[in-house]
């Protein structure tokens, strides 16, 4: 199916963010300018801008227009329920170290569909509260057959629109099912570097979430393992009781 005009506009703007034509903090063309450029209505152009804003890629500075966001945001693993926007529950993040190939844990390798001991591309990000307090470490793993076609996965810069959208654009692999497996743990069970990044005491509660994005033939496009501590690892429900 050919992309709609709305999708073409957002696609071009994402590409301009990827190649640096629209760097962080840069002003985005107005709806009027986009309408003139594409020969469309301002409603269509405005819808495209709002879609980018829902993805957390641009910010509306009242009276000034839209600007490329300076601070990228992402959701902790396990917070991607259907029908939600990328900014729902999202937190600022930064990439830890440089993405590179290494051997994933056996359970991640099995989920990726690669042999145990085979290397995969790892991309790790640290999510934090606006005040800077770290709350989640998430490592995204990609099979070499996917990563070789997706040059942005190898960079430390955030990927406009997210890693999954980049993979779809470069490989045609389109996830149709997301599966999250959540298990509790204590910080003492984590690797020392993860525990240090989160600043957790050994006895602190942690949620471990394995997120898998799968195609219709069960190919894992990406496997993410996230470790979340602090208040984000707690769930509190209050409800009336009738005894």
Protein backbone atom coordinates (compact mmCIF):
# COMPACT_ATOMS: atom_id res chain seq x y z
CA UNK A 1 0.00 0.00 0.00
CA UNK A 2 1.41 3.38 -1.01
CA UNK A 3 2.04 5.79 1.87
CA UNK A 4 -0.48 8.56 2.33
CA UNK A 5 0.54 12.19 1.87
CA UNK A 6 0.46 12.58 5.65
CA UNK A 7 2.91 9.64 5.97
CA UNK A 8 5.14 11.03 3.22
CA UNK A 9 5.46 14.36 5.04
CA UNK A 10 6.30 12.75 8.39
CA UNK A 11 8.69 10.35 6.66
CA UNK A 12 10.62 13.16 5.02
CA UNK A 13 10.87 15.12 8.27
CA UNK A 14 12.12 12.01 10.10
CA UNK A 15 14.76 11.48 7.42
CA UNK A 16 15.88 15.09 7.81
CA UNK A 17 16.25 14.53 11.56
CA UNK A 18 18.25 11.35 10.89
CA UNK A 19 20.69 12.96 8.44
CA UNK A 20 21.16 16.13 10.50
CA UNK A 21 19.30 18.51 8.20
CA UNK A 22 17.00 19.13 11.16
CA UNK A 23 19.27 18.77 14.21
CA UNK A 24 18.08 18.88 17.84
CA UNK A 25 16.70 22.31 18.68
CA UNK A 26 16.12 23.29 15.04
CA UNK A 27 12.80 24.89 14.00
CA UNK A 28 10.49 22.66 11.95
CA UNK A 29 8.73 24.06 8.87
CA UNK A 30 5.30 25.44 9.74
CA UNK A 31 2.07 23.82 8.60
CA UNK A 32 1.67 26.63 6.09
CA UNK A 33 5.15 26.05 4.65
CA UNK A 34 4.60 22.29 4.49
CA UNK A 35 1.21 22.77 2.82
CA UNK A 36 2.82 24.97 0.17
CA UNK A 37 5.69 22.55 -0.33
CA UNK A 38 3.51 19.46 -0.67
CA UNK A 39 0.49 21.06 -2.32
CA UNK A 40 -1.81 19.87 0.43
CA UNK A 41 -4.19 21.39 2.97
CA UNK A 42 -2.92 22.89 6.19
CA UNK A 43 -5.03 20.30 8.01
CA UNK A 44 -2.96 17.50 6.46
CA UNK A 45 0.28 19.32 7.26
CA UNK A 46 -0.84 19.98 10.84
CA UNK A 47 -1.77 16.31 11.28
CA UNK A 48 1.75 15.35 10.20
CA UNK A 49 3.29 17.71 12.76
CA UNK A 50 1.02 16.41 15.51
CA UNK A 51 2.04 12.84 14.66
CA UNK A 52 5.70 13.77 15.12
CA UNK A 53 4.84 15.50 18.40
CA UNK A 54 3.07 12.33 19.64
CA UNK A 55 6.28 10.44 18.86
CA UNK A 56 8.21 12.90 21.01
CA UNK A 57 10.31 14.08 18.06
CA UNK A 58 9.18 17.72 18.04
CA UNK A 59 7.87 20.13 20.65
CA UNK A 60 5.28 22.87 20.25
CA UNK A 61 6.62 26.11 21.70
CA UNK A 62 3.49 28.20 21.92
CA UNK A 63 3.70 31.25 19.72
CA UNK A 64 7.00 30.13 18.17
CA UNK A 65 6.12 26.93 16.32
CA UNK A 66 7.51 23.40 16.43
CA UNK A 67 11.15 22.57 17.19
CA UNK A 68 13.10 19.31 17.09
CA UNK A 69 13.32 18.04 20.64
CA UNK A 70 16.64 18.52 22.42
CA UNK A 71 16.09 15.65 24.84
CA UNK A 72 15.04 12.28 23.39
CA UNK A 73 12.51 10.22 25.32
CA UNK A 74 11.69 6.52 25.41
CA UNK A 75 9.52 4.20 27.44
CA UNK A 76 10.84 1.59 29.86
CA UNK A 77 10.59 -1.95 28.51
CA UNK A 78 7.11 -3.33 29.06
CA UNK A 79 5.30 0.02 28.71
CA UNK A 80 4.25 -0.30 25.05
CA UNK A 81 0.60 -1.30 25.22
CA UNK A 82 -1.42 -1.07 22.01
CA UNK A 83 -2.90 2.30 21.15
CA UNK A 84 -0.43 4.36 23.17
CA UNK A 85 1.82 7.07 21.77
CA UNK A 86 5.60 6.94 22.17
CA UNK A 87 5.45 9.83 24.63
CA UNK A 88 3.00 8.05 26.95
CA UNK A 89 5.00 7.20 30.06
CA UNK A 90 8.23 8.12 28.28
CA UNK A 91 11.34 9.33 30.08
CA UNK A 92 14.50 11.15 28.98
CA UNK A 93 17.38 8.82 28.11
CA UNK A 94 20.96 8.64 26.96
CA UNK A 95 22.89 5.90 25.19
CA UNK A 96 25.43 4.15 27.43
CA UNK A 97 28.73 3.46 25.74
CA UNK A 98 28.86 2.65 22.04
CA UNK A 99 26.60 0.11 20.33
CA UNK A 100 28.60 -2.96 19.38
CA UNK A 101 28.52 -6.68 18.78
CA UNK A 102 28.79 -9.00 21.75
CA UNK A 103 27.43 -12.33 22.92
CA UNK A 104 23.96 -11.97 24.46
CA UNK A 105 22.71 -14.02 27.40
CA UNK A 106 21.51 -17.48 26.31
CA UNK A 107 17.82 -16.64 26.83
CA UNK A 108 18.17 -13.54 24.64
CA UNK A 109 20.00 -15.51 21.92
CA UNK A 110 17.24 -18.12 21.92
CA UNK A 111 14.58 -15.42 21.60
CA UNK A 112 16.49 -13.75 18.75
CA UNK A 113 16.72 -17.09 16.98
CA UNK A 114 20.52 -17.17 16.87
CA UNK A 115 22.95 -19.81 18.10
CA UNK A 116 24.21 -19.61 21.66
CA UNK A 117 27.58 -17.89 21.61
CA UNK A 118 26.81 -15.99 18.39
CA UNK A 119 27.24 -12.24 18.60
CA UNK A 120 24.40 -9.73 18.24
CA UNK A 121 24.37 -5.94 18.17
CA UNK A 122 23.69 -4.46 21.61
CA UNK A 123 22.43 -0.92 22.13
CA UNK A 124 21.98 0.17 25.78
CA UNK A 125 20.16 3.22 27.06
CA UNK A 126 19.73 4.68 30.53
CA UNK A 127 16.35 6.23 31.28
CA UNK A 128 16.07 8.82 33.98
CA UNK A 129 13.62 11.21 35.56
CA UNK A 130 13.65 14.85 34.40
CA UNK A 131 15.66 15.67 37.52
CA UNK A 132 18.36 13.19 36.50
CA UNK A 133 17.58 10.25 38.82
CA UNK A 134 18.24 6.98 36.91
CA UNK A 135 15.34 4.52 36.86
CA UNK A 136 15.85 1.99 34.06
CA UNK A 137 18.59 0.36 31.99
CA UNK A 138 17.42 -1.21 28.72
CA UNK A 139 19.58 -3.16 26.28
CA UNK A 140 18.16 -3.72 22.81
CA UNK A 141 19.59 -6.72 20.93
CA UNK A 142 19.54 -7.14 17.15
CA UNK A 143 20.55 -10.16 15.08
CA UNK A 144 23.43 -9.41 12.71
CA UNK A 145 21.15 -10.12 9.74
CA UNK A 146 19.02 -7.14 10.83
CA UNK A 147 21.72 -4.82 12.17
CA UNK A 148 23.82 -4.96 8.99
CA UNK A 149 21.06 -3.16 7.09
CA UNK A 150 20.37 -0.49 9.74
CA UNK A 151 23.24 1.94 9.99
CA UNK A 152 21.64 4.14 12.65
CA UNK A 153 21.62 1.25 15.13
CA UNK A 154 25.42 1.49 15.24
CA UNK A 155 25.47 5.15 16.26
CA UNK A 156 25.26 6.67 19.72
CA UNK A 157 22.75 9.32 18.64
CA UNK A 158 19.05 8.68 19.33
CA UNK A 159 17.11 7.41 16.33
CA UNK A 160 14.24 9.71 15.30
CA UNK A 161 11.01 7.74 15.46
CA UNK A 162 12.60 4.83 17.31
CA UNK A 163 14.63 1.76 16.42
CA UNK A 164 11.69 -0.36 15.28
CA UNK A 165 10.53 2.17 12.70
CA UNK A 166 14.11 2.44 11.40
CA UNK A 167 14.29 -1.34 11.01
CA UNK A 168 10.99 -1.44 9.14
CA UNK A 169 12.18 1.28 6.74
CA UNK A 170 15.53 -0.42 6.06
CA UNK A 171 14.56 -4.11 6.02
CA UNK A 172 10.82 -4.34 5.46
CA UNK A 173 10.53 -6.51 8.57
CA UNK A 174 7.35 -5.31 10.25
CA UNK A 175 6.46 -6.43 13.78
CA UNK A 176 2.84 -7.42 14.27
CA UNK A 177 3.08 -8.68 17.84
CA UNK A 178 4.77 -7.36 20.95
CA UNK A 179 5.31 -9.72 23.86
CA UNK A 180 6.54 -8.65 27.30
CA UNK A 181 7.66 -11.13 29.93
CA UNK A 182 7.98 -9.48 33.35
CA UNK A 183 9.69 -11.07 36.33
CA UNK A 184 10.66 -9.64 39.75
CA UNK A 185 14.22 -9.64 40.98
CA UNK A 186 16.45 -7.96 43.54
CA UNK A 187 19.36 -5.73 42.62
CA UNK A 188 21.84 -8.25 43.93
CA UNK A 189 20.87 -10.52 41.02
CA UNK A 190 21.88 -7.93 38.40
CA UNK A 191 25.20 -7.37 36.71
CA UNK A 192 27.30 -4.95 38.72
CA UNK A 193 27.36 -2.35 35.93
CA UNK A 194 23.55 -2.27 35.75
CA UNK A 195 23.23 -2.01 39.53
CA UNK A 196 25.79 0.80 39.59
CA UNK A 197 24.09 2.70 36.74
CA UNK A 198 20.80 2.60 38.65
CA UNK A 199 22.41 3.34 42.01
CA UNK A 200 20.56 0.48 43.71
CA UNK A 201 21.24 -1.14 47.04
CA UNK A 202 21.64 -4.92 46.87
CA UNK A 203 18.23 -5.54 48.48
CA UNK A 204 16.29 -3.13 46.21
CA UNK A 205 13.36 -4.50 44.21
CA UNK A 206 13.76 -4.59 40.43
CA UNK A 207 11.48 -5.44 37.52
CA UNK A 208 13.08 -7.37 34.68
CA UNK A 209 11.17 -7.11 31.41
CA UNK A 210 11.99 -9.07 28.26
CA UNK A 211 10.31 -7.34 25.31
CA UNK A 212 10.08 -9.09 21.93
CA UNK A 213 8.78 -7.49 18.74
CA UNK A 214 7.85 -10.27 16.29
CA UNK A 215 6.85 -10.44 12.65
CA UNK A 216 3.95 -12.58 11.39
CA UNK A 217 6.34 -15.52 10.92
CA UNK A 218 7.67 -15.16 14.51
CA UNK A 219 10.95 -13.51 13.51
CA UNK A 220 12.23 -11.38 16.38
CA UNK A 221 12.98 -7.93 14.98
CA UNK A 222 14.36 -6.72 18.30
CA UNK A 223 14.69 -8.19 21.78
CA UNK A 224 14.99 -5.76 24.68
CA UNK A 225 15.87 -6.59 28.25
CA UNK A 226 15.09 -3.85 30.72
CA UNK A 227 15.92 -3.50 34.40
CA UNK A 228 13.80 -0.96 36.26
CA UNK A 229 14.12 -0.01 39.91
CA UNK A 230 12.76 2.57 42.31
CA UNK A 231 9.09 3.51 42.27
CA UNK A 232 8.76 2.30 38.70
CA UNK A 233 9.28 -1.26 39.94
CA UNK A 234 6.28 -1.02 42.23
CA UNK A 235 2.63 -1.57 41.44
CA UNK A 236 0.04 -0.34 43.90
CA UNK A 237 -3.67 -1.06 43.36
CA UNK A 238 -6.44 0.33 45.57
CA UNK A 239 -10.00 -0.83 45.19
CA UNK A 240 -13.17 -1.06 47.29
CA UNK A 241 -13.91 -4.37 48.98
CA UNK A 242 -17.29 -5.75 49.82
CA UNK A 243 -16.98 -8.47 52.45
